[in-house]
PDB file of N, CA and C in Angstrom:
ATOM      1  N   MET A   1       0.825  -1.193   0.000  1.00  0.00           N
ATOM      2  CA  MET A   1       0.000   0.000   0.000  1.00  0.00           C
ATOM      3  C   MET A   1       0.872   1.261   0.000  1.00  0.00           C
ATOM      4  N   LYS A   2       1.989   1.226   0.733  1.00  0.00           N
ATOM      5  CA  LYS A   2       2.872   2.384   0.772  1.00  0.00           C
ATOM      6  C   LYS A   2       3.465   2.653  -0.610  1.00  0.00           C
ATOM      7  N   LYS A   3       3.808   1.573  -1.333  1.00  0.00           N
ATOM      8  CA  LYS A   3       4.384   1.749  -2.667  1.00  0.00           C
ATOM      9  C   LYS A   3       3.362   2.383  -3.609  1.00  0.00           C
ATOM     10  N   PHE A   4       2.099   1.978  -3.501  1.00  0.00           N
ATOM     11  CA  PHE A   4       1.049   2.547  -4.341  1.00  0.00           C
ATOM     12  C   PHE A   4       0.872   4.034  -4.036  1.00  0.00           C
ATOM     13  N   ALA A   5       0.833   4.378  -2.774  1.00  0.00           N
ATOM     14  CA  ALA A   5       0.667   5.780  -2.379  1.00  0.00           C
ATOM     15  C   ALA A   5       1.854   6.618  -2.854  1.00  0.00           C
ATOM     16  N   LEU A   6       3.052   6.061  -2.743  1.00  0.00           N
ATOM     17  CA  LEU A   6       4.244   6.770  -3.185  1.00  0.00           C
ATOM     18  C   LEU A   6       4.217   6.953  -4.707  1.00  0.00           C
ATOM     19  N   LEU A   7       3.820   5.902  -5.440  1.00  0.00           N
ATOM     20  CA  LEU A   7       3.726   5.985  -6.890  1.00  0.00           C
ATOM     21  C   LEU A   7       2.694   7.030  -7.303  1.00  0.00           C
ATOM     22  N   LEU A   8       1.555   7.059  -6.644  1.00  0.00           N
ATOM     23  CA  LEU A   8       0.517   8.034  -6.939  1.00  0.00           C
ATOM     24  C   LEU A   8       1.015   9.453  -6.685  1.00  0.00           C
ATOM     25  N   LEU A   9       1.714   9.640  -5.601  1.00  0.00           N
ATOM     26  CA  LEU A   9       2.265  10.952  -5.268  1.00  0.00           C
ATOM     27  C   LEU A   9       3.272  11.400  -6.324  1.00  0.00           C
ATOM     28  N   VAL A  10       4.135  10.512  -6.754  1.00  0.00           N
ATOM     29  CA  VAL A  10       5.132  10.835  -7.781  1.00  0.00           C
ATOM     30  C   VAL A  10       4.443  11.195  -9.087  1.00  0.00           C
ATOM     31  N   LEU A  11       3.417  10.449  -9.467  1.00  0.00           N
ATOM     32  CA  LEU A  11       2.696  10.734 -10.707  1.00  0.00           C
ATOM     33  C   LEU A  11       1.987  12.088 -10.658  1.00  0.00           C
ATOM     34  N   LEU A  12       1.424  12.425  -9.519  1.00  0.00           N
ATOM     35  CA  LEU A  12       0.749  13.714  -9.388  1.00  0.00           C
ATOM     36  C   LEU A  12       1.723  14.871  -9.553  1.00  0.00           C
ATOM     37  N   TYR A  13       2.913  14.739  -9.001  1.00  0.00           N
ATOM     38  CA  TYR A  13       3.908  15.795  -9.133  1.00  0.00           C
ATOM     39  C   TYR A  13       4.547  15.815 -10.510  1.00  0.00           C
ATOM     40  N   ALA A  14       4.496  14.709 -11.216  1.00  0.00           N
ATOM     41  CA  ALA A  14       5.093  14.636 -12.551  1.00  0.00           C
ATOM     42  C   ALA A  14       4.205  15.272 -13.606  1.00  0.00           C
ATOM     43  N   VAL A  15       2.920  15.394 -13.344  1.00  0.00           N
ATOM     44  CA  VAL A  15       2.000  16.009 -14.302  1.00  0.00           C
ATOM     45  C   VAL A  15       2.254  17.512 -14.297  1.00  0.00           C
ATOM     46  N   PRO A  16       2.583  18.097 -15.441  1.00  0.00           N
ATOM     47  CA  PRO A  16       2.848  19.533 -15.470  1.00  0.00           C
ATOM     48  C   PRO A  16       1.596  20.341 -15.159  1.00  0.00           C
ATOM     49  N   ALA A  17       1.815  21.495 -14.559  1.00  0.00           N
ATOM     50  CA  ALA A  17       0.690  22.392 -14.259  1.00  0.00           C
ATOM     51  C   ALA A  17       0.081  22.857 -15.568  1.00  0.00           C
ATOM     52  N   ARG A  18      -1.213  22.828 -15.641  1.00  0.00           N
ATOM     53  CA  ARG A  18      -1.910  23.198 -16.864  1.00  0.00           C
ATOM     54  C   ARG A  18      -2.140  24.705 -16.879  1.00  0.00           C
ATOM     55  N   ALA A  19      -1.786  25.320 -17.971  1.00  0.00           N
ATOM     56  CA  ALA A  19      -1.948  26.764 -18.095  1.00  0.00           C
ATOM     57  C   ALA A  19      -3.422  27.116 -18.303  1.00  0.00           C
ATOM     58  N   ALA A  20      -3.766  28.301 -17.876  1.00  0.00           N
ATOM     59  CA  ALA A  20      -5.135  28.792 -18.024  1.00  0.00           C
ATOM     60  C   ALA A  20      -5.481  28.935 -19.503  1.00  0.00           C
ATOM     61  N   ASP A  21      -6.729  28.671 -19.849  1.00  0.00           N
ATOM     62  CA  ASP A  21      -7.207  28.822 -21.220  1.00  0.00           C
ATOM     63  C   ASP A  21      -7.702  30.252 -21.405  1.00  0.00           C
ATOM     64  N   VAL A  22      -6.778  31.153 -21.723  1.00  0.00           N
ATOM     65  CA  VAL A  22      -7.135  32.563 -21.862  1.00  0.00           C
ATOM     66  C   VAL A  22      -7.218  33.017 -23.310  1.00  0.00           C
ATOM     67  N   ASP A  23      -6.910  32.129 -24.259  1.00  0.00           N
ATOM     68  CA  ASP A  23      -6.913  32.512 -25.666  1.00  0.00           C
ATOM     69  C   ASP A  23      -8.287  33.041 -26.084  1.00  0.00           C
ATOM     70  N   GLY A  24      -8.262  34.138 -26.830  1.00  0.00           N
ATOM     71  CA  GLY A  24      -9.503  34.698 -27.344  1.00  0.00           C
ATOM     72  C   GLY A  24      -9.736  36.124 -26.894  1.00  0.00           C
ATOM     73  N   LYS A  25     -10.984  36.559 -27.078  1.00  0.00           N
ATOM     74  CA  LYS A  25     -11.366  37.938 -26.766  1.00  0.00           C
ATOM     75  C   LYS A  25     -12.127  37.997 -25.445  1.00  0.00           C
ATOM     76  N   TRP A  26     -11.873  39.071 -24.705  1.00  0.00           N
ATOM     77  CA  TRP A  26     -12.478  39.314 -23.403  1.00  0.00           C
ATOM     78  C   TRP A  26     -12.923  40.769 -23.344  1.00  0.00           C
ATOM     79  N   SER A  27     -13.965  41.065 -22.572  1.00  0.00           N
ATOM     80  CA  SER A  27     -14.397  42.449 -22.401  1.00  0.00           C
ATOM     81  C   SER A  27     -14.849  42.685 -20.974  1.00  0.00           C
ATOM     82  N   GLY A  28     -14.689  43.937 -20.561  1.00  0.00           N
ATOM     83  CA  GLY A  28     -15.070  44.307 -19.207  1.00  0.00           C
ATOM     84  C   GLY A  28     -15.346  45.795 -19.118  1.00  0.00           C
ATOM     85  N   SER A  29     -15.620  46.240 -17.905  1.00  0.00           N
ATOM     86  CA  SER A  29     -15.952  47.635 -17.668  1.00  0.00           C
ATOM     87  C   SER A  29     -15.206  48.120 -16.430  1.00  0.00           C
ATOM     88  N   LEU A  30     -14.522  49.253 -16.577  1.00  0.00           N
ATOM     89  CA  LEU A  30     -13.832  49.882 -15.452  1.00  0.00           C
ATOM     90  C   LEU A  30     -14.686  51.012 -14.903  1.00  0.00           C
ATOM     91  N   SER A  31     -14.827  51.093 -13.602  1.00  0.00           N
ATOM     92  CA  SER A  31     -15.527  52.216 -12.979  1.00  0.00           C
ATOM     93  C   SER A  31     -14.515  53.326 -12.746  1.00  0.00           C
ATOM     94  N   THR A  32     -14.789  54.502 -13.291  1.00  0.00           N
ATOM     95  CA  THR A  32     -13.903  55.658 -13.119  1.00  0.00           C
ATOM     96  C   THR A  32     -14.713  56.826 -12.577  1.00  0.00           C
ATOM     97  N   PRO A  33     -14.033  57.867 -12.094  1.00  0.00           N
ATOM     98  CA  PRO A  33     -14.764  59.054 -11.633  1.00  0.00           C
ATOM     99  C   PRO A  33     -15.611  59.694 -12.742  1.00  0.00           C
ATOM    100  N   ASN A  34     -15.241  59.431 -14.000  1.00  0.00           N
ATOM    101  CA  ASN A  34     -16.001  59.982 -15.121  1.00  0.00           C
ATOM    102  C   ASN A  34     -17.022  59.000 -15.676  1.00  0.00           C
ATOM    103  N   GLY A  35     -17.297  57.921 -14.952  1.00  0.00           N
ATOM    104  CA  GLY A  35     -18.259  56.920 -15.407  1.00  0.00           C
ATOM    105  C   GLY A  35     -17.564  55.640 -15.840  1.00  0.00           C
ATOM    106  N   ASP A  36     -18.372  54.666 -16.212  1.00  0.00           N
ATOM    107  CA  ASP A  36     -17.831  53.369 -16.629  1.00  0.00           C
ATOM    108  C   ASP A  36     -17.179  53.473 -18.000  1.00  0.00           C
ATOM    109  N   VAL A  37     -16.068  52.739 -18.149  1.00  0.00           N
ATOM    110  CA  VAL A  37     -15.312  52.720 -19.395  1.00  0.00           C
ATOM    111  C   VAL A  37     -15.180  51.266 -19.840  1.00  0.00           C
ATOM    112  N   MET A  38     -15.574  50.987 -21.078  1.00  0.00           N
ATOM    113  CA  MET A  38     -15.459  49.634 -21.622  1.00  0.00           C
ATOM    114  C   MET A  38     -14.025  49.383 -22.083  1.00  0.00           C
ATOM    115  N   VAL A  39     -13.518  48.183 -21.761  1.00  0.00           N
ATOM    116  CA  VAL A  39     -12.183  47.773 -22.189  1.00  0.00           C
ATOM    117  C   VAL A  39     -12.276  46.379 -22.797  1.00  0.00           C
ATOM    118  N   GLY A  40     -11.349  46.081 -23.685  1.00  0.00           N
ATOM    119  CA  GLY A  40     -11.314  44.768 -24.309  1.00  0.00           C
ATOM    120  C   GLY A  40      -9.899  44.208 -24.291  1.00  0.00           C
ATOM    121  N   PHE A  41      -9.810  42.911 -24.405  1.00  0.00           N
ATOM    122  CA  PHE A  41      -8.523  42.220 -24.422  1.00  0.00           C
ATOM    123  C   PHE A  41      -8.588  41.120 -25.465  1.00  0.00           C
ATOM    124  N   GLU A  42      -7.461  40.867 -26.106  1.00  0.00           N
ATOM    125  CA  GLU A  42      -7.320  39.701 -26.965  1.00  0.00           C
ATOM    126  C   GLU A  42      -6.015  39.029 -26.578  1.00  0.00           C
ATOM    127  N   PHE A  43      -6.113  37.771 -26.154  1.00  0.00           N
ATOM    128  CA  PHE A  43      -4.960  37.044 -25.633  1.00  0.00           C
ATOM    129  C   PHE A  43      -4.637  35.823 -26.475  1.00  0.00           C
ATOM    130  N   LYS A  44      -3.352  35.484 -26.490  1.00  0.00           N
ATOM    131  CA  LYS A  44      -2.862  34.262 -27.117  1.00  0.00           C
ATOM    132  C   LYS A  44      -1.785  33.709 -26.198  1.00  0.00           C
ATOM    133  N   SER A  45      -1.950  32.446 -25.799  1.00  0.00           N
ATOM    134  CA  SER A  45      -0.976  31.820 -24.904  1.00  0.00           C
ATOM    135  C   SER A  45      -0.049  30.908 -25.689  1.00  0.00           C
ATOM    136  N   ASP A  46       1.174  30.791 -25.180  1.00  0.00           N
ATOM    137  CA  ASP A  46       2.168  29.869 -25.718  1.00  0.00           C
ATOM    138  C   ASP A  46       2.952  29.353 -24.523  1.00  0.00           C
ATOM    139  N   GLY A  47       2.461  28.259 -23.940  1.00  0.00           N
ATOM    140  CA  GLY A  47       3.065  27.764 -22.702  1.00  0.00           C
ATOM    141  C   GLY A  47       2.819  28.765 -21.592  1.00  0.00           C
ATOM    142  N   ALA A  48       3.894  29.241 -20.970  1.00  0.00           N
ATOM    143  CA  ALA A  48       3.780  30.214 -19.879  1.00  0.00           C
ATOM    144  C   ALA A  48       3.826  31.647 -20.377  1.00  0.00           C
ATOM    145  N   ALA A  49       3.955  31.838 -21.701  1.00  0.00           N
ATOM    146  CA  ALA A  49       4.015  33.188 -22.268  1.00  0.00           C
ATOM    147  C   ALA A  49       2.626  33.630 -22.724  1.00  0.00           C
ATOM    148  N   LEU A  50       2.334  34.904 -22.507  1.00  0.00           N
ATOM    149  CA  LEU A  50       1.056  35.496 -22.902  1.00  0.00           C
ATOM    150  C   LEU A  50       1.333  36.699 -23.784  1.00  0.00           C
ATOM    151  N   THR A  51       0.709  36.731 -24.959  1.00  0.00           N
ATOM    152  CA  THR A  51       0.793  37.888 -25.843  1.00  0.00           C
ATOM    153  C   THR A  51      -0.623  38.352 -26.139  1.00  0.00           C
ATOM    154  N   GLY A  52      -0.718  39.516 -26.751  1.00  0.00           N
ATOM    155  CA  GLY A  52      -2.032  40.027 -27.106  1.00  0.00           C
ATOM    156  C   GLY A  52      -2.075  41.532 -27.056  1.00  0.00           C
ATOM    157  N   SER A  53      -3.287  42.045 -26.856  1.00  0.00           N
ATOM    158  CA  SER A  53      -3.477  43.492 -26.848  1.00  0.00           C
ATOM    159  C   SER A  53      -4.672  43.865 -25.985  1.00  0.00           C
ATOM    160  N   THR A  54      -4.692  45.152 -25.625  1.00  0.00           N
ATOM    161  CA  THR A  54      -5.841  45.737 -24.942  1.00  0.00           C
ATOM    162  C   THR A  54      -6.487  46.730 -25.902  1.00  0.00           C
ATOM    163  N   THR A  55      -7.772  46.960 -25.714  1.00  0.00           N
ATOM    164  CA  THR A  55      -8.499  47.929 -26.519  1.00  0.00           C
ATOM    165  C   THR A  55      -9.274  48.832 -25.574  1.00  0.00           C
ATOM    166  N   GLY A  56      -9.053  50.123 -25.712  1.00  0.00           N
ATOM    167  CA  GLY A  56      -9.741  51.081 -24.861  1.00  0.00           C
ATOM    168  C   GLY A  56     -11.014  51.591 -25.492  1.00  0.00           C
ATOM    169  N   PRO A  57     -11.665  52.549 -24.838  1.00  0.00           N
ATOM    170  CA  PRO A  57     -12.949  53.064 -25.322  1.00  0.00           C
ATOM    171  C   PRO A  57     -12.846  53.761 -26.677  1.00  0.00           C
ATOM    172  N   ASP A  58     -11.658  54.246 -27.038  1.00  0.00           N
ATOM    173  CA  ASP A  58     -11.509  54.910 -28.331  1.00  0.00           C
ATOM    174  C   ASP A  58     -11.247  53.916 -29.466  1.00  0.00           C
ATOM    175  N   GLY A  59     -11.162  52.622 -29.124  1.00  0.00           N
ATOM    176  CA  GLY A  59     -10.959  51.583 -30.126  1.00  0.00           C
ATOM    177  C   GLY A  59      -9.514  51.308 -30.485  1.00  0.00           C
ATOM    178  N   SER A  60      -8.589  52.083 -29.920  1.00  0.00           N
ATOM    179  CA  SER A  60      -7.183  51.856 -30.252  1.00  0.00           C
ATOM    180  C   SER A  60      -6.670  50.610 -29.536  1.00  0.00           C
ATOM    181  N   SER A  61      -5.795  49.891 -30.226  1.00  0.00           N
ATOM    182  CA  SER A  61      -5.242  48.648 -29.707  1.00  0.00           C
ATOM    183  C   SER A  61      -3.823  48.899 -29.206  1.00  0.00           C
ATOM    184  N   ILE A  62      -3.523  48.400 -28.005  1.00  0.00           N
ATOM    185  CA  ILE A  62      -2.195  48.553 -27.417  1.00  0.00           C
ATOM    186  C   ILE A  62      -1.651  47.164 -27.115  1.00  0.00           C
ATOM    187  N   PRO A  63      -0.484  46.807 -27.678  1.00  0.00           N
ATOM    188  CA  PRO A  63       0.082  45.486 -27.391  1.00  0.00           C
ATOM    189  C   PRO A  63       0.469  45.358 -25.920  1.00  0.00           C
ATOM    190  N   ILE A  64       0.254  44.172 -25.364  1.00  0.00           N
ATOM    191  CA  ILE A  64       0.676  43.941 -23.983  1.00  0.00           C
ATOM    192  C   ILE A  64       2.150  43.539 -23.986  1.00  0.00           C
ATOM    193  N   LYS A  65       2.808  43.741 -22.863  1.00  0.00           N
ATOM    194  CA  LYS A  65       4.228  43.419 -22.691  1.00  0.00           C
ATOM    195  C   LYS A  65       4.379  42.505 -21.482  1.00  0.00           C
ATOM    196  N   ASN A  66       5.437  41.724 -21.471  1.00  0.00           N
ATOM    197  CA  ASN A  66       5.803  40.882 -20.319  1.00  0.00           C
ATOM    198  C   ASN A  66       4.660  39.985 -19.850  1.00  0.00           C
ATOM    199  N   GLY A  67       3.876  39.450 -20.774  1.00  0.00           N
ATOM    200  CA  GLY A  67       2.755  38.596 -20.413  1.00  0.00           C
ATOM    201  C   GLY A  67       3.207  37.241 -19.895  1.00  0.00           C
ATOM    202  N   LYS A  68       2.605  36.809 -18.783  1.00  0.00           N
ATOM    203  CA  LYS A  68       2.953  35.536 -18.155  1.00  0.00           C
ATOM    204  C   LYS A  68       1.692  34.803 -17.720  1.00  0.00           C
ATOM    205  N   ILE A  69       1.781  33.472 -17.762  1.00  0.00           N
ATOM    206  CA  ILE A  69       0.705  32.613 -17.275  1.00  0.00           C
ATOM    207  C   ILE A  69       1.302  31.677 -16.249  1.00  0.00           C
ATOM    208  N   ASP A  70       0.647  31.564 -15.106  1.00  0.00           N
ATOM    209  CA  ASP A  70       1.070  30.649 -14.051  1.00  0.00           C
ATOM    210  C   ASP A  70      -0.182  29.975 -13.502  1.00  0.00           C
ATOM    211  N   GLY A  71      -0.483  28.781 -14.028  1.00  0.00           N
ATOM    212  CA  GLY A  71      -1.714  28.095 -13.636  1.00  0.00           C
ATOM    213  C   GLY A  71      -2.913  28.882 -14.110  1.00  0.00           C
ATOM    214  N   ASN A  72      -3.775  29.321 -13.183  1.00  0.00           N
ATOM    215  CA  ASN A  72      -4.943  30.119 -13.565  1.00  0.00           C
ATOM    216  C   ASN A  72      -4.710  31.613 -13.351  1.00  0.00           C
ATOM    217  N   LYS A  73      -3.456  32.011 -13.149  1.00  0.00           N
ATOM    218  CA  LYS A  73      -3.126  33.424 -12.943  1.00  0.00           C
ATOM    219  C   LYS A  73      -2.383  33.963 -14.160  1.00  0.00           C
ATOM    220  N   ILE A  74      -2.712  35.201 -14.523  1.00  0.00           N
ATOM    221  CA  ILE A  74      -2.019  35.858 -15.621  1.00  0.00           C
ATOM    222  C   ILE A  74      -1.526  37.222 -15.149  1.00  0.00           C
ATOM    223  N   SER A  75      -0.522  37.735 -15.842  1.00  0.00           N
ATOM    224  CA  SER A  75      -0.042  39.088 -15.572  1.00  0.00           C
ATOM    225  C   SER A  75       0.536  39.649 -16.860  1.00  0.00           C
ATOM    226  N   PHE A  76       0.458  40.973 -16.991  1.00  0.00           N
ATOM    227  CA  PHE A  76       1.029  41.653 -18.146  1.00  0.00           C
ATOM    228  C   PHE A  76       1.095  43.145 -17.864  1.00  0.00           C
ATOM    229  N   VAL A  77       1.798  43.850 -18.751  1.00  0.00           N
ATOM    230  CA  VAL A  77       1.986  45.291 -18.640  1.00  0.00           C
ATOM    231  C   VAL A  77       1.406  45.956 -19.878  1.00  0.00           C
ATOM    232  N   GLU A  78       0.765  47.091 -19.671  1.00  0.00           N
ATOM    233  CA  GLU A  78       0.264  47.933 -20.761  1.00  0.00           C
ATOM    234  C   GLU A  78       0.963  49.283 -20.637  1.00  0.00           C
ATOM    235  N   LYS A  79       1.693  49.659 -21.686  1.00  0.00           N
ATOM    236  CA  LYS A  79       2.384  50.949 -21.673  1.00  0.00           C
ATOM    237  C   LYS A  79       1.691  51.898 -22.632  1.00  0.00           C
ATOM    238  N   GLY A  80       1.540  53.133 -22.200  1.00  0.00           N
ATOM    239  CA  GLY A  80       0.912  54.145 -23.034  1.00  0.00           C
ATOM    240  C   GLY A  80       1.378  55.518 -22.600  1.00  0.00           C
ATOM    241  N   ASN A  81       0.631  56.534 -23.010  1.00  0.00           N
ATOM    242  CA  ASN A  81       0.942  57.884 -22.536  1.00  0.00           C
ATOM    243  C   ASN A  81      -0.336  58.692 -22.475  1.00  0.00           C
ATOM    244  N   TYR A  82      -0.307  59.691 -21.642  1.00  0.00           N
ATOM    245  CA  TYR A  82      -1.425  60.611 -21.498  1.00  0.00           C
ATOM    246  C   TYR A  82      -0.862  62.011 -21.624  1.00  0.00           C
ATOM    247  N   GLN A  83      -1.238  62.702 -22.666  1.00  0.00           N
ATOM    248  CA  GLN A  83      -0.770  64.058 -22.947  1.00  0.00           C
ATOM    249  C   GLN A  83       0.758  64.145 -22.870  1.00  0.00           C
ATOM    250  N   GLY A  84       1.427  63.144 -23.492  1.00  0.00           N
ATOM    251  CA  GLY A  84       2.883  63.142 -23.545  1.00  0.00           C
ATOM    252  C   GLY A  84       3.575  62.559 -22.324  1.00  0.00           C
ATOM    253  N   MET A  85       2.804  62.201 -21.288  1.00  0.00           N
ATOM    254  CA  MET A  85       3.403  61.614 -20.087  1.00  0.00           C
ATOM    255  C   MET A  85       3.303  60.090 -20.172  1.00  0.00           C
ATOM    256  N   PRO A  86       4.446  59.386 -20.074  1.00  0.00           N
ATOM    257  CA  PRO A  86       4.384  57.920 -20.150  1.00  0.00           C
ATOM    258  C   PRO A  86       3.660  57.324 -18.951  1.00  0.00           C
ATOM    259  N   LEU A  87       2.835  56.313 -19.234  1.00  0.00           N
ATOM    260  CA  LEU A  87       2.085  55.605 -18.193  1.00  0.00           C
ATOM    261  C   LEU A  87       2.356  54.114 -18.318  1.00  0.00           C
ATOM    262  N   GLN A  88       2.331  53.438 -17.186  1.00  0.00           N
ATOM    263  CA  GLN A  88       2.455  51.981 -17.206  1.00  0.00           C
ATOM    264  C   GLN A  88       1.404  51.389 -16.277  1.00  0.00           C
ATOM    265  N   PHE A  89       0.535  50.549 -16.850  1.00  0.00           N
ATOM    266  CA  PHE A  89      -0.451  49.810 -16.076  1.00  0.00           C
ATOM    267  C   PHE A  89       0.031  48.378 -15.935  1.00  0.00           C
ATOM    268  N   ASN A  90       0.032  47.868 -14.711  1.00  0.00           N
ATOM    269  CA  ASN A  90       0.368  46.466 -14.433  1.00  0.00           C
ATOM    270  C   ASN A  90      -0.920  45.735 -14.101  1.00  0.00           C
ATOM    271  N   TYR A  91      -1.179  44.670 -14.827  1.00  0.00           N
ATOM    272  CA  TYR A  91      -2.386  43.866 -14.635  1.00  0.00           C
ATOM    273  C   TYR A  91      -2.017  42.524 -14.024  1.00  0.00           C
ATOM    274  N   THR A  92      -2.803  42.090 -13.060  1.00  0.00           N
ATOM    275  CA  THR A  92      -2.775  40.712 -12.587  1.00  0.00           C
ATOM    276  C   THR A  92      -4.205  40.222 -12.630  1.00  0.00           C
ATOM    277  N   GLY A  93      -4.372  38.971 -13.023  1.00  0.00           N
ATOM    278  CA  GLY A  93      -5.717  38.434 -13.141  1.00  0.00           C
ATOM    279  C   GLY A  93      -5.759  36.973 -12.765  1.00  0.00           C
ATOM    280  N   GLU A  94      -6.933  36.545 -12.358  1.00  0.00           N
ATOM    281  CA  GLU A  94      -7.153  35.144 -12.017  1.00  0.00           C
ATOM    282  C   GLU A  94      -8.357  34.645 -12.803  1.00  0.00           C
ATOM    283  N   LEU A  95      -8.114  33.596 -13.589  1.00  0.00           N
ATOM    284  CA  LEU A  95      -9.151  33.012 -14.422  1.00  0.00           C
ATOM    285  C   LEU A  95     -10.087  32.165 -13.569  1.00  0.00           C
ATOM    286  N   ALA A  96     -11.385  32.384 -13.748  1.00  0.00           N
ATOM    287  CA  ALA A  96     -12.418  31.606 -13.060  1.00  0.00           C
ATOM    288  C   ALA A  96     -13.509  31.312 -14.085  1.00  0.00           C
ATOM    289  N   GLY A  97     -13.378  30.193 -14.795  1.00  0.00           N
ATOM    290  CA  GLY A  97     -14.338  29.847 -15.837  1.00  0.00           C
ATOM    291  C   GLY A  97     -14.237  30.802 -17.005  1.00  0.00           C
ATOM    292  N   ASP A  98     -15.323  31.488 -17.322  1.00  0.00           N
ATOM    293  CA  ASP A  98     -15.341  32.449 -18.421  1.00  0.00           C
ATOM    294  C   ASP A  98     -15.186  33.885 -17.930  1.00  0.00           C
ATOM    295  N   GLU A  99     -14.528  34.051 -16.783  1.00  0.00           N
ATOM    296  CA  GLU A  99     -14.252  35.377 -16.230  1.00  0.00           C
ATOM    297  C   GLU A  99     -12.787  35.462 -15.811  1.00  0.00           C
ATOM    298  N   ILE A 100     -12.244  36.661 -15.922  1.00  0.00           N
ATOM    299  CA  ILE A 100     -10.931  36.958 -15.354  1.00  0.00           C
ATOM    300  C   ILE A 100     -11.132  38.081 -14.357  1.00  0.00           C
ATOM    301  N   HIS A 101     -10.752  37.847 -13.121  1.00  0.00           N
ATOM    302  CA  HIS A 101     -10.847  38.855 -12.067  1.00  0.00           C
ATOM    303  C   HIS A 101      -9.516  39.601 -12.039  1.00  0.00           C
ATOM    304  N   PHE A 102      -9.554  40.851 -12.493  1.00  0.00           N
ATOM    305  CA  PHE A 102      -8.351  41.653 -12.653  1.00  0.00           C
ATOM    306  C   PHE A 102      -8.141  42.631 -11.506  1.00  0.00           C
ATOM    307  N   LYS A 103      -6.866  42.887 -11.240  1.00  0.00           N
ATOM    308  CA  LYS A 103      -6.425  44.019 -10.431  1.00  0.00           C
ATOM    309  C   LYS A 103      -5.471  44.791 -11.327  1.00  0.00           C
ATOM    310  N   ARG A 104      -5.628  46.100 -11.339  1.00  0.00           N
ATOM    311  CA  ARG A 104      -4.793  46.940 -12.194  1.00  0.00           C
ATOM    312  C   ARG A 104      -4.113  47.990 -11.344  1.00  0.00           C
ATOM    313  N   GLU A 105      -2.813  48.162 -11.580  1.00  0.00           N
ATOM    314  CA  GLU A 105      -2.037  49.187 -10.890  1.00  0.00           C
ATOM    315  C   GLU A 105      -1.539  50.204 -11.903  1.00  0.00           C
ATOM    316  N   LEU A 106      -1.505  51.451 -11.511  1.00  0.00           N
ATOM    317  CA  LEU A 106      -0.968  52.526 -12.332  1.00  0.00           C
ATOM    318  C   LEU A 106       0.318  53.009 -11.691  1.00  0.00           C
ATOM    319  N   MET A 107       1.416  52.799 -12.399  1.00  0.00           N
ATOM    320  CA  MET A 107       2.724  53.241 -11.929  1.00  0.00           C
ATOM    321  C   MET A 107       3.012  52.740 -10.507  1.00  0.00           C
ATOM    322  N   GLY A 108       2.574  51.503 -10.205  1.00  0.00           N
ATOM    323  CA  GLY A 108       2.830  50.885  -8.911  1.00  0.00           C
ATOM    324  C   GLY A 108       1.786  51.162  -7.850  1.00  0.00           C
ATOM    325  N   PHE A 109       0.781  51.987  -8.147  1.00  0.00           N
ATOM    326  CA  PHE A 109      -0.268  52.300  -7.178  1.00  0.00           C
ATOM    327  C   PHE A 109      -1.559  51.585  -7.571  1.00  0.00           C
ATOM    328  N   PRO A 110      -2.273  50.984  -6.603  1.00  0.00           N
ATOM    329  CA  PRO A 110      -3.532  50.302  -6.936  1.00  0.00           C
ATOM    330  C   PRO A 110      -4.492  51.261  -7.636  1.00  0.00           C
ATOM    331  N   ALA A 111      -5.082  50.791  -8.726  1.00  0.00           N
ATOM    332  CA  ALA A 111      -6.001  51.636  -9.489  1.00  0.00           C
ATOM    333  C   ALA A 111      -7.413  51.068  -9.443  1.00  0.00           C
ATOM    334  N   GLU A 112      -7.655  49.933 -10.115  1.00  0.00           N
ATOM    335  CA  GLU A 112      -9.004  49.368 -10.171  1.00  0.00           C
ATOM    336  C   GLU A 112      -8.973  47.849 -10.044  1.00  0.00           C
ATOM    337  N   GLU A 113     -10.124  47.341  -9.646  1.00  0.00           N
ATOM    338  CA  GLU A 113     -10.402  45.913  -9.733  1.00  0.00           C
ATOM    339  C   GLU A 113     -11.647  45.779 -10.583  1.00  0.00           C
ATOM    340  N   PHE A 114     -11.626  44.806 -11.507  1.00  0.00           N
ATOM    341  CA  PHE A 114     -12.772  44.629 -12.394  1.00  0.00           C
ATOM    342  C   PHE A 114     -12.771  43.202 -12.933  1.00  0.00           C
ATOM    343  N   VAL A 115     -13.862  42.855 -13.589  1.00  0.00           N
ATOM    344  CA  VAL A 115     -14.017  41.519 -14.160  1.00  0.00           C
ATOM    345  C   VAL A 115     -14.169  41.651 -15.664  1.00  0.00           C
ATOM    346  N   ALA A 116     -13.423  40.822 -16.392  1.00  0.00           N
ATOM    347  CA  ALA A 116     -13.575  40.724 -17.842  1.00  0.00           C
ATOM    348  C   ALA A 116     -14.214  39.362 -18.138  1.00  0.00           C
ATOM    349  N   LYS A 117     -15.118  39.353 -19.101  1.00  0.00           N
ATOM    350  CA  LYS A 117     -15.804  38.115 -19.467  1.00  0.00           C
ATOM    351  C   LYS A 117     -15.415  37.712 -20.886  1.00  0.00           C
ATOM    352  N   ARG A 118     -15.365  36.404 -21.105  1.00  0.00           N
ATOM    353  CA  ARG A 118     -15.016  35.888 -22.424  1.00  0.00           C
ATOM    354  C   ARG A 118     -16.099  36.314 -23.418  1.00  0.00           C
ATOM    355  N   SER A 119     -15.665  36.876 -24.548  1.00  0.00           N
ATOM    356  CA  SER A 119     -16.590  37.264 -25.616  1.00  0.00           C
ATOM    357  C   SER A 119     -16.913  36.039 -26.444  1.00  0.00           C
ATOM    358  N   LYS A 120     -18.165  35.900 -26.813  1.00  0.00           N
ATOM    359  CA  LYS A 120     -18.577  34.722 -27.591  1.00  0.00           C
ATOM    360  C   LYS A 120     -18.886  35.080 -29.005  1.00  0.00           C
TER     361      LYS A 120
END
């Protein structure tokens, strides 16, 4: 019985962690002082690497940088500018079915938490 339990334990640890299925389009809404703002995402995974883009309310697409997948968690950076001032948003998210629960930081300061849903 001990050998069976040991074999089972070894097999469980030998199975690689499965990456989150984030490929495709996602959309969500950010609450801001000026009202809700619709945002979109398009992701493509390659093992632990995440690529894609974000889309803001004006429809412009911004490529994501430093995208990573770790189990059901994702992270990436969005770089842009506002009136000539460079901005960096850091996103962390946790996949839960057809939703990603995001936390977004602006220049290292907590900004928003929101949910993006898989677009069908």
